Amino acid sequence: MYIFNRFAFERRLVREYMREMDDLGVEIKGDSLKDKKILLGITGGIAATQSVKLLRELRRYQAEISVIMTDAAQKVITPLAI
């Protein structure tokens, strides 16, 4: 009985945590960019690796983001990371 109750408690915690997340898996921090459309162009430089962090922050404020990448950028980071 103890194990079942603990499992139910942990499941409830996970459900509550997931409610705070959107469908992109980031915690929503605000809505200051809600309904804003952003086009991010990523080229093949070392800064391309930081674009993943930038995208995550923009999503936390509910921006609608479209990304275009050069072939060189796709060699630095995979499009799946975006």
PDB file of N, CA and C in Angstrom:
ATOM      1  N   MET A   1       0.829  -1.188   0.000  1.00  0.00           N
ATOM      2  CA  MET A   1       0.000   0.000   0.000  1.00  0.00           C
ATOM      3  C   MET A   1       0.877   1.257   0.000  1.00  0.00           C
ATOM      4  N   TYR A   2       1.938   1.254   0.754  1.00  0.00           N
ATOM      5  CA  TYR A   2       2.823   2.411   0.826  1.00  0.00           C
ATOM      6  C   TYR A   2       3.420   2.723  -0.546  1.00  0.00           C
ATOM      7  N   ILE A   3       3.846   1.694  -1.260  1.00  0.00           N
ATOM      8  CA  ILE A   3       4.461   1.903  -2.568  1.00  0.00           C
ATOM      9  C   ILE A   3       3.450   2.515  -3.537  1.00  0.00           C
ATOM     10  N   PHE A   4       2.220   2.025  -3.516  1.00  0.00           N
ATOM     11  CA  PHE A   4       1.185   2.566  -4.393  1.00  0.00           C
ATOM     12  C   PHE A   4       0.925   4.039  -4.097  1.00  0.00           C
ATOM     13  N   ASN A   5       0.814   4.402  -2.827  1.00  0.00           N
ATOM     14  CA  ASN A   5       0.563   5.798  -2.462  1.00  0.00           C
ATOM     15  C   ASN A   5       1.713   6.692  -2.890  1.00  0.00           C
ATOM     16  N   ARG A   6       2.918   6.213  -2.733  1.00  0.00           N
ATOM     17  CA  ARG A   6       4.079   7.004  -3.143  1.00  0.00           C
ATOM     18  C   ARG A   6       4.072   7.203  -4.656  1.00  0.00           C
ATOM     19  N   PHE A   7       3.734   6.142  -5.391  1.00  0.00           N
ATOM     20  CA  PHE A   7       3.666   6.234  -6.841  1.00  0.00           C
ATOM     21  C   PHE A   7       2.600   7.237  -7.277  1.00  0.00           C
ATOM     22  N   ALA A   8       1.443   7.189  -6.645  1.00  0.00           N
ATOM     23  CA  ALA A   8       0.362   8.122  -6.985  1.00  0.00           C
ATOM     24  C   ALA A   8       0.783   9.556  -6.702  1.00  0.00           C
ATOM     25  N   PHE A   9       1.485   9.775  -5.608  1.00  0.00           N
ATOM     26  CA  PHE A   9       1.964  11.120  -5.258  1.00  0.00           C
ATOM     27  C   PHE A   9       2.958  11.622  -6.307  1.00  0.00           C
ATOM     28  N   GLU A  10       3.901  10.760  -6.693  1.00  0.00           N
ATOM     29  CA  GLU A  10       4.895  11.159  -7.693  1.00  0.00           C
ATOM     30  C   GLU A  10       4.231  11.435  -9.042  1.00  0.00           C
ATOM     31  N   ARG A  11       3.255  10.633  -9.406  1.00  0.00           N
ATOM     32  CA  ARG A  11       2.527  10.850 -10.648  1.00  0.00           C
ATOM     33  C   ARG A  11       1.810  12.190 -10.634  1.00  0.00           C
ATOM     34  N   ARG A  12       1.235  12.538  -9.498  1.00  0.00           N
ATOM     35  CA  ARG A  12       0.532  13.816  -9.378  1.00  0.00           C
ATOM     36  C   ARG A  12       1.513  14.977  -9.514  1.00  0.00           C
ATOM     37  N   LEU A  13       2.696  14.843  -8.921  1.00  0.00           N
ATOM     38  CA  LEU A  13       3.708  15.893  -9.039  1.00  0.00           C
ATOM     39  C   LEU A  13       4.127  16.091 -10.497  1.00  0.00           C
ATOM     40  N   VAL A  14       4.297  14.993 -11.204  1.00  0.00           N
ATOM     41  CA  VAL A  14       4.686  15.079 -12.612  1.00  0.00           C
ATOM     42  C   VAL A  14       3.588  15.756 -13.418  1.00  0.00           C
ATOM     43  N   ARG A  15       2.336  15.404 -13.178  1.00  0.00           N
ATOM     44  CA  ARG A  15       1.220  16.032 -13.895  1.00  0.00           C
ATOM     45  C   ARG A  15       1.169  17.530 -13.632  1.00  0.00           C
ATOM     46  N   GLU A  16       1.366  17.940 -12.377  1.00  0.00           N
ATOM     47  CA  GLU A  16       1.338  19.370 -12.053  1.00  0.00           C
ATOM     48  C   GLU A  16       2.486  20.098 -12.736  1.00  0.00           C
ATOM     49  N   TYR A  17       3.650  19.468 -12.767  1.00  0.00           N
ATOM     50  CA  TYR A  17       4.806  20.079 -13.416  1.00  0.00           C
ATOM     51  C   TYR A  17       4.561  20.222 -14.919  1.00  0.00           C
ATOM     52  N   MET A  18       3.994  19.192 -15.540  1.00  0.00           N
ATOM     53  CA  MET A  18       3.755  19.229 -16.978  1.00  0.00           C
ATOM     54  C   MET A  18       2.704  20.268 -17.351  1.00  0.00           C
ATOM     55  N   ARG A  19       1.795  20.570 -16.455  1.00  0.00           N
ATOM     56  CA  ARG A  19       0.807  21.617 -16.734  1.00  0.00           C
ATOM     57  C   ARG A  19       1.478  22.972 -16.883  1.00  0.00           C
ATOM     58  N   GLU A  20       2.597  23.159 -16.187  1.00  0.00           N
ATOM     59  CA  GLU A  20       3.316  24.429 -16.263  1.00  0.00           C
ATOM     60  C   GLU A  20       4.135  24.537 -17.536  1.00  0.00           C
ATOM     61  N   MET A  21       4.294  23.434 -18.235  1.00  0.00           N
ATOM     62  CA  MET A  21       5.073  23.425 -19.463  1.00  0.00           C
ATOM     63  C   MET A  21       4.143  23.542 -20.652  1.00  0.00           C
ATOM     64  N   ASP A  22       4.652  24.116 -21.741  1.00  0.00           N
ATOM     65  CA  ASP A  22       3.847  24.119 -22.950  1.00  0.00           C
ATOM     66  C   ASP A  22       4.224  22.911 -23.798  1.00  0.00           C
ATOM     67  N   ASP A  23       3.734  22.842 -25.009  1.00  0.00           N
ATOM     68  CA  ASP A  23       3.989  21.681 -25.848  1.00  0.00           C
ATOM     69  C   ASP A  23       5.432  21.603 -26.333  1.00  0.00           C
ATOM     70  N   LEU A  24       6.213  22.631 -26.141  1.00  0.00           N
ATOM     71  CA  LEU A  24       7.612  22.618 -26.557  1.00  0.00           C
ATOM     72  C   LEU A  24       8.551  22.266 -25.417  1.00  0.00           C
ATOM     73  N   GLY A  25       8.005  21.970 -24.274  1.00  0.00           N
ATOM     74  CA  GLY A  25       8.828  21.511 -23.168  1.00  0.00           C
ATOM     75  C   GLY A  25       9.601  22.587 -22.444  1.00  0.00           C
ATOM     76  N   VAL A  26       9.160  23.812 -22.504  1.00  0.00           N
ATOM     77  CA  VAL A  26       9.828  24.878 -21.763  1.00  0.00           C
ATOM     78  C   VAL A  26       8.862  25.465 -20.744  1.00  0.00           C
ATOM     79  N   GLU A  27       9.401  25.885 -19.646  1.00  0.00           N
ATOM     80  CA  GLU A  27       8.592  26.503 -18.604  1.00  0.00           C
ATOM     81  C   GLU A  27       8.201  27.913 -19.038  1.00  0.00           C
ATOM     82  N   ILE A  28       6.931  28.223 -18.979  1.00  0.00           N
ATOM     83  CA  ILE A  28       6.452  29.544 -19.365  1.00  0.00           C
ATOM     84  C   ILE A  28       6.775  30.540 -18.256  1.00  0.00           C
ATOM     85  N   LYS A  29       7.463  31.618 -18.626  1.00  0.00           N
ATOM     86  CA  LYS A  29       7.833  32.643 -17.648  1.00  0.00           C
ATOM     87  C   LYS A  29       7.008  33.914 -17.790  1.00  0.00           C
ATOM     88  N   GLY A  30       6.375  34.093 -18.925  1.00  0.00           N
ATOM     89  CA  GLY A  30       5.591  35.302 -19.138  1.00  0.00           C
ATOM     90  C   GLY A  30       4.951  35.271 -20.510  1.00  0.00           C
ATOM     91  N   ASP A  31       4.243  36.332 -20.823  1.00  0.00           N
ATOM     92  CA  ASP A  31       3.585  36.391 -22.125  1.00  0.00           C
ATOM     93  C   ASP A  31       3.922  37.673 -22.881  1.00  0.00           C
ATOM     94  N   SER A  32       5.063  38.248 -22.584  1.00  0.00           N
ATOM     95  CA  SER A  32       5.424  39.522 -23.212  1.00  0.00           C
ATOM     96  C   SER A  32       5.661  39.394 -24.719  1.00  0.00           C
ATOM     97  N   LEU A  33       5.943  38.189 -25.211  1.00  0.00           N
ATOM     98  CA  LEU A  33       6.143  37.996 -26.653  1.00  0.00           C
ATOM     99  C   LEU A  33       4.997  37.222 -27.286  1.00  0.00           C
ATOM    100  N   LYS A  34       3.913  37.053 -26.575  1.00  0.00           N
ATOM    101  CA  LYS A  34       2.767  36.316 -27.099  1.00  0.00           C
ATOM    102  C   LYS A  34       2.241  37.018 -28.350  1.00  0.00           C
ATOM    103  N   ASP A  35       1.911  36.240 -29.358  1.00  0.00           N
ATOM    104  CA  ASP A  35       1.421  36.731 -30.655  1.00  0.00           C
ATOM    105  C   ASP A  35       2.477  37.493 -31.448  1.00  0.00           C
ATOM    106  N   LYS A  36       3.733  37.440 -31.022  1.00  0.00           N
ATOM    107  CA  LYS A  36       4.827  38.042 -31.787  1.00  0.00           C
ATOM    108  C   LYS A  36       5.449  36.954 -32.648  1.00  0.00           C
ATOM    109  N   LYS A  37       5.702  37.269 -33.900  1.00  0.00           N
ATOM    110  CA  LYS A  37       6.300  36.312 -34.824  1.00  0.00           C
ATOM    111  C   LYS A  37       7.750  36.699 -35.064  1.00  0.00           C
ATOM    112  N   ILE A  38       8.646  35.748 -34.839  1.00  0.00           N
ATOM    113  CA  ILE A  38      10.079  35.993 -34.965  1.00  0.00           C
ATOM    114  C   ILE A  38      10.658  35.019 -35.979  1.00  0.00           C
ATOM    115  N   LEU A  39      11.448  35.538 -36.902  1.00  0.00           N
ATOM    116  CA  LEU A  39      12.174  34.708 -37.858  1.00  0.00           C
ATOM    117  C   LEU A  39      13.644  34.762 -37.458  1.00  0.00           C
ATOM    118  N   LEU A  40      14.211  33.613 -37.135  1.00  0.00           N
ATOM    119  CA  LEU A  40      15.613  33.534 -36.723  1.00  0.00           C
ATOM    120  C   LEU A  40      16.406  32.845 -37.816  1.00  0.00           C
ATOM    121  N   GLY A  41      17.396  33.539 -38.351  1.00  0.00           N
ATOM    122  CA  GLY A  41      18.297  32.968 -39.349  1.00  0.00           C
ATOM    123  C   GLY A  41      19.582  32.539 -38.669  1.00  0.00           C
ATOM    124  N   ILE A  42      19.978  31.295 -38.877  1.00  0.00           N
ATOM    125  CA  ILE A  42      21.187  30.762 -38.248  1.00  0.00           C
ATOM    126  C   ILE A  42      22.189  30.416 -39.339  1.00  0.00           C
ATOM    127  N   THR A  43      23.392  30.966 -39.199  1.00  0.00           N
ATOM    128  CA  THR A  43      24.462  30.694 -40.159  1.00  0.00           C
ATOM    129  C   THR A  43      25.514  29.811 -39.501  1.00  0.00           C
ATOM    130  N   GLY A  44      26.477  29.400 -40.278  1.00  0.00           N
ATOM    131  CA  GLY A  44      27.467  28.433 -39.799  1.00  0.00           C
ATOM    132  C   GLY A  44      28.640  29.052 -39.087  1.00  0.00           C
ATOM    133  N   GLY A  45      28.453  29.453 -37.875  1.00  0.00           N
ATOM    134  CA  GLY A  45      29.534  29.949 -37.039  1.00  0.00           C
ATOM    135  C   GLY A  45      29.411  29.348 -35.659  1.00  0.00           C
ATOM    136  N   ILE A  46      30.357  29.632 -34.822  1.00  0.00           N
ATOM    137  CA  ILE A  46      30.336  29.078 -33.475  1.00  0.00           C
ATOM    138  C   ILE A  46      29.138  29.598 -32.679  1.00  0.00           C
ATOM    139  N   ALA A  47      28.643  30.770 -33.030  1.00  0.00           N
ATOM    140  CA  ALA A  47      27.481  31.329 -32.339  1.00  0.00           C
ATOM    141  C   ALA A  47      26.209  30.524 -32.615  1.00  0.00           C
ATOM    142  N   ALA A  48      26.232  29.685 -33.638  1.00  0.00           N
ATOM    143  CA  ALA A  48      25.067  28.850 -33.941  1.00  0.00           C
ATOM    144  C   ALA A  48      24.723  27.948 -32.763  1.00  0.00           C
ATOM    145  N   THR A  49      25.724  27.556 -32.007  1.00  0.00           N
ATOM    146  CA  THR A  49      25.465  26.687 -30.856  1.00  0.00           C
ATOM    147  C   THR A  49      24.646  27.404 -29.782  1.00  0.00           C
ATOM    148  N   GLN A  50      24.734  28.718 -29.726  1.00  0.00           N
ATOM    149  CA  GLN A  50      23.976  29.487 -28.738  1.00  0.00           C
ATOM    150  C   GLN A  50      22.542  29.747 -29.171  1.00  0.00           C
ATOM    151  N   SER A  51      22.228  29.463 -30.427  1.00  0.00           N
ATOM    152  CA  SER A  51      20.868  29.714 -30.917  1.00  0.00           C
ATOM    153  C   SER A  51      19.841  28.836 -30.213  1.00  0.00           C
ATOM    154  N   VAL A  52      20.237  27.656 -29.771  1.00  0.00           N
ATOM    155  CA  VAL A  52      19.322  26.773 -29.059  1.00  0.00           C
ATOM    156  C   VAL A  52      18.881  27.425 -27.748  1.00  0.00           C
ATOM    157  N   LYS A  53      19.825  28.026 -27.039  1.00  0.00           N
ATOM    158  CA  LYS A  53      19.493  28.727 -25.788  1.00  0.00           C
ATOM    159  C   LYS A  53      18.597  29.931 -26.057  1.00  0.00           C
ATOM    160  N   LEU A  54      18.906  30.666 -27.104  1.00  0.00           N
ATOM    161  CA  LEU A  54      18.099  31.827 -27.467  1.00  0.00           C
ATOM    162  C   LEU A  54      16.663  31.416 -27.784  1.00  0.00           C
ATOM    163  N   LEU A  55      16.517  30.355 -28.569  1.00  0.00           N
ATOM    164  CA  LEU A  55      15.177  29.874 -28.913  1.00  0.00           C
ATOM    165  C   LEU A  55      14.390  29.451 -27.680  1.00  0.00           C
ATOM    166  N   ARG A  56      15.062  28.777 -26.764  1.00  0.00           N
ATOM    167  CA  ARG A  56      14.388  28.340 -25.540  1.00  0.00           C
ATOM    168  C   ARG A  56      13.874  29.544 -24.749  1.00  0.00           C
ATOM    169  N   GLU A  57      14.678  30.580 -24.645  1.00  0.00           N
ATOM    170  CA  GLU A  57      14.240  31.775 -23.912  1.00  0.00           C
ATOM    171  C   GLU A  57      13.079  32.473 -24.610  1.00  0.00           C
ATOM    172  N   LEU A  58      13.134  32.562 -25.921  1.00  0.00           N
ATOM    173  CA  LEU A  58      12.027  33.180 -26.653  1.00  0.00           C
ATOM    174  C   LEU A  58      10.737  32.391 -26.466  1.00  0.00           C
ATOM    175  N   ARG A  59      10.852  31.068 -26.449  1.00  0.00           N
ATOM    176  CA  ARG A  59       9.665  30.230 -26.249  1.00  0.00           C
ATOM    177  C   ARG A  59       9.097  30.380 -24.846  1.00  0.00           C
ATOM    178  N   ARG A  60       9.952  30.642 -23.878  1.00  0.00           N
ATOM    179  CA  ARG A  60       9.476  30.835 -22.502  1.00  0.00           C
ATOM    180  C   ARG A  60       8.567  32.050 -22.378  1.00  0.00           C
ATOM    181  N   TYR A  61       8.706  32.974 -23.308  1.00  0.00           N
ATOM    182  CA  TYR A  61       7.855  34.158 -23.303  1.00  0.00           C
ATOM    183  C   TYR A  61       6.813  34.098 -24.418  1.00  0.00           C
ATOM    184  N   GLN A  62       6.573  32.888 -24.919  1.00  0.00           N
ATOM    185  CA  GLN A  62       5.485  32.554 -25.836  1.00  0.00           C
ATOM    186  C   GLN A  62       5.587  33.184 -27.221  1.00  0.00           C
ATOM    187  N   ALA A  63       6.791  33.388 -27.716  1.00  0.00           N
ATOM    188  CA  ALA A  63       6.968  33.895 -29.077  1.00  0.00           C
ATOM    189  C   ALA A  63       6.704  32.780 -30.085  1.00  0.00           C
ATOM    190  N   GLU A  64       6.184  33.153 -31.241  1.00  0.00           N
ATOM    191  CA  GLU A  64       6.024  32.218 -32.350  1.00  0.00           C
ATOM    192  C   GLU A  64       7.281  32.336 -33.202  1.00  0.00           C
ATOM    193  N   ILE A  65       8.053  31.260 -33.299  1.00  0.00           N
ATOM    194  CA  ILE A  65       9.374  31.330 -33.915  1.00  0.00           C
ATOM    195  C   ILE A  65       9.451  30.439 -35.145  1.00  0.00           C
ATOM    196  N   SER A  66       9.995  31.009 -36.215  1.00  0.00           N
ATOM    197  CA  SER A  66      10.338  30.248 -37.413  1.00  0.00           C
ATOM    198  C   SER A  66      11.852  30.348 -37.566  1.00  0.00           C
ATOM    199  N   VAL A  67      12.458  29.260 -37.998  1.00  0.00           N
ATOM    200  CA  VAL A  67      13.921  29.214 -38.105  1.00  0.00           C
ATOM    201  C   VAL A  67      14.316  28.820 -39.518  1.00  0.00           C
ATOM    202  N   ILE A  68      15.311  29.532 -40.048  1.00  0.00           N
ATOM    203  CA  ILE A  68      15.947  29.126 -41.293  1.00  0.00           C
ATOM    204  C   ILE A  68      17.431  28.932 -40.991  1.00  0.00           C
ATOM    205  N   MET A  69      18.005  27.902 -41.605  1.00  0.00           N
ATOM    206  CA  MET A  69      19.411  27.570 -41.360  1.00  0.00           C
ATOM    207  C   MET A  69      20.143  27.392 -42.685  1.00  0.00           C
ATOM    208  N   THR A  70      21.374  27.857 -42.732  1.00  0.00           N
ATOM    209  CA  THR A  70      22.207  27.596 -43.899  1.00  0.00           C
ATOM    210  C   THR A  70      22.733  26.167 -43.810  1.00  0.00           C
ATOM    211  N   ASP A  71      23.282  25.684 -44.917  1.00  0.00           N
ATOM    212  CA  ASP A  71      23.886  24.347 -44.914  1.00  0.00           C
ATOM    213  C   ASP A  71      25.039  24.283 -43.920  1.00  0.00           C
ATOM    214  N   ALA A  72      25.794  25.358 -43.838  1.00  0.00           N
ATOM    215  CA  ALA A  72      26.919  25.398 -42.900  1.00  0.00           C
ATOM    216  C   ALA A  72      26.438  25.333 -41.455  1.00  0.00           C
ATOM    217  N   ALA A  73      25.319  25.972 -41.165  1.00  0.00           N
ATOM    218  CA  ALA A  73      24.774  25.927 -39.805  1.00  0.00           C
ATOM    219  C   ALA A  73      24.339  24.517 -39.437  1.00  0.00           C
ATOM    220  N   GLN A  74      23.819  23.777 -40.425  1.00  0.00           N
ATOM    221  CA  GLN A  74      23.375  22.416 -40.167  1.00  0.00           C
ATOM    222  C   GLN A  74      24.533  21.467 -39.904  1.00  0.00           C
ATOM    223  N   LYS A  75      25.738  21.886 -40.260  1.00  0.00           N
ATOM    224  CA  LYS A  75      26.922  21.087 -39.937  1.00  0.00           C
ATOM    225  C   LYS A  75      27.397  21.369 -38.513  1.00  0.00           C
ATOM    226  N   VAL A  76      27.063  22.537 -37.986  1.00  0.00           N
ATOM    227  CA  VAL A  76      27.463  22.907 -36.626  1.00  0.00           C
ATOM    228  C   VAL A  76      26.455  22.357 -35.612  1.00  0.00           C
ATOM    229  N   ILE A  77      25.164  22.535 -35.874  1.00  0.00           N
ATOM    230  CA  ILE A  77      24.126  21.991 -35.004  1.00  0.00           C
ATOM    231  C   ILE A  77      23.076  21.288 -35.864  1.00  0.00           C
ATOM    232  N   THR A  78      22.487  20.274 -35.309  1.00  0.00           N
ATOM    233  CA  THR A  78      21.466  19.540 -36.053  1.00  0.00           C
ATOM    234  C   THR A  78      20.142  20.293 -36.031  1.00  0.00           C
ATOM    235  N   PRO A  79      19.393  20.285 -37.116  1.00  0.00           N
ATOM    236  CA  PRO A  79      18.077  20.936 -37.113  1.00  0.00           C
ATOM    237  C   PRO A  79      17.134  20.353 -36.063  1.00  0.00           C
ATOM    238  N   LEU A  80      17.349  19.130 -35.638  1.00  0.00           N
ATOM    239  CA  LEU A  80      16.512  18.526 -34.608  1.00  0.00           C
ATOM    240  C   LEU A  80      16.673  19.223 -33.261  1.00  0.00           C
ATOM    241  N   ALA A  81      17.802  19.854 -33.032  1.00  0.00           N
ATOM    242  CA  ALA A  81      18.020  20.593 -31.775  1.00  0.00           C
ATOM    243  C   ALA A  81      17.179  21.848 -31.718  1.00  0.00           C
ATOM    244  N   ILE A  82      16.774  22.336 -32.867  1.00  0.00           N
ATOM    245  CA  ILE A  82      15.975  23.551 -32.947  1.00  0.00           C
ATOM    246  C   ILE A  82      14.537  23.180 -32.759  1.00  0.00           C
TER     247      ILE A  82
END
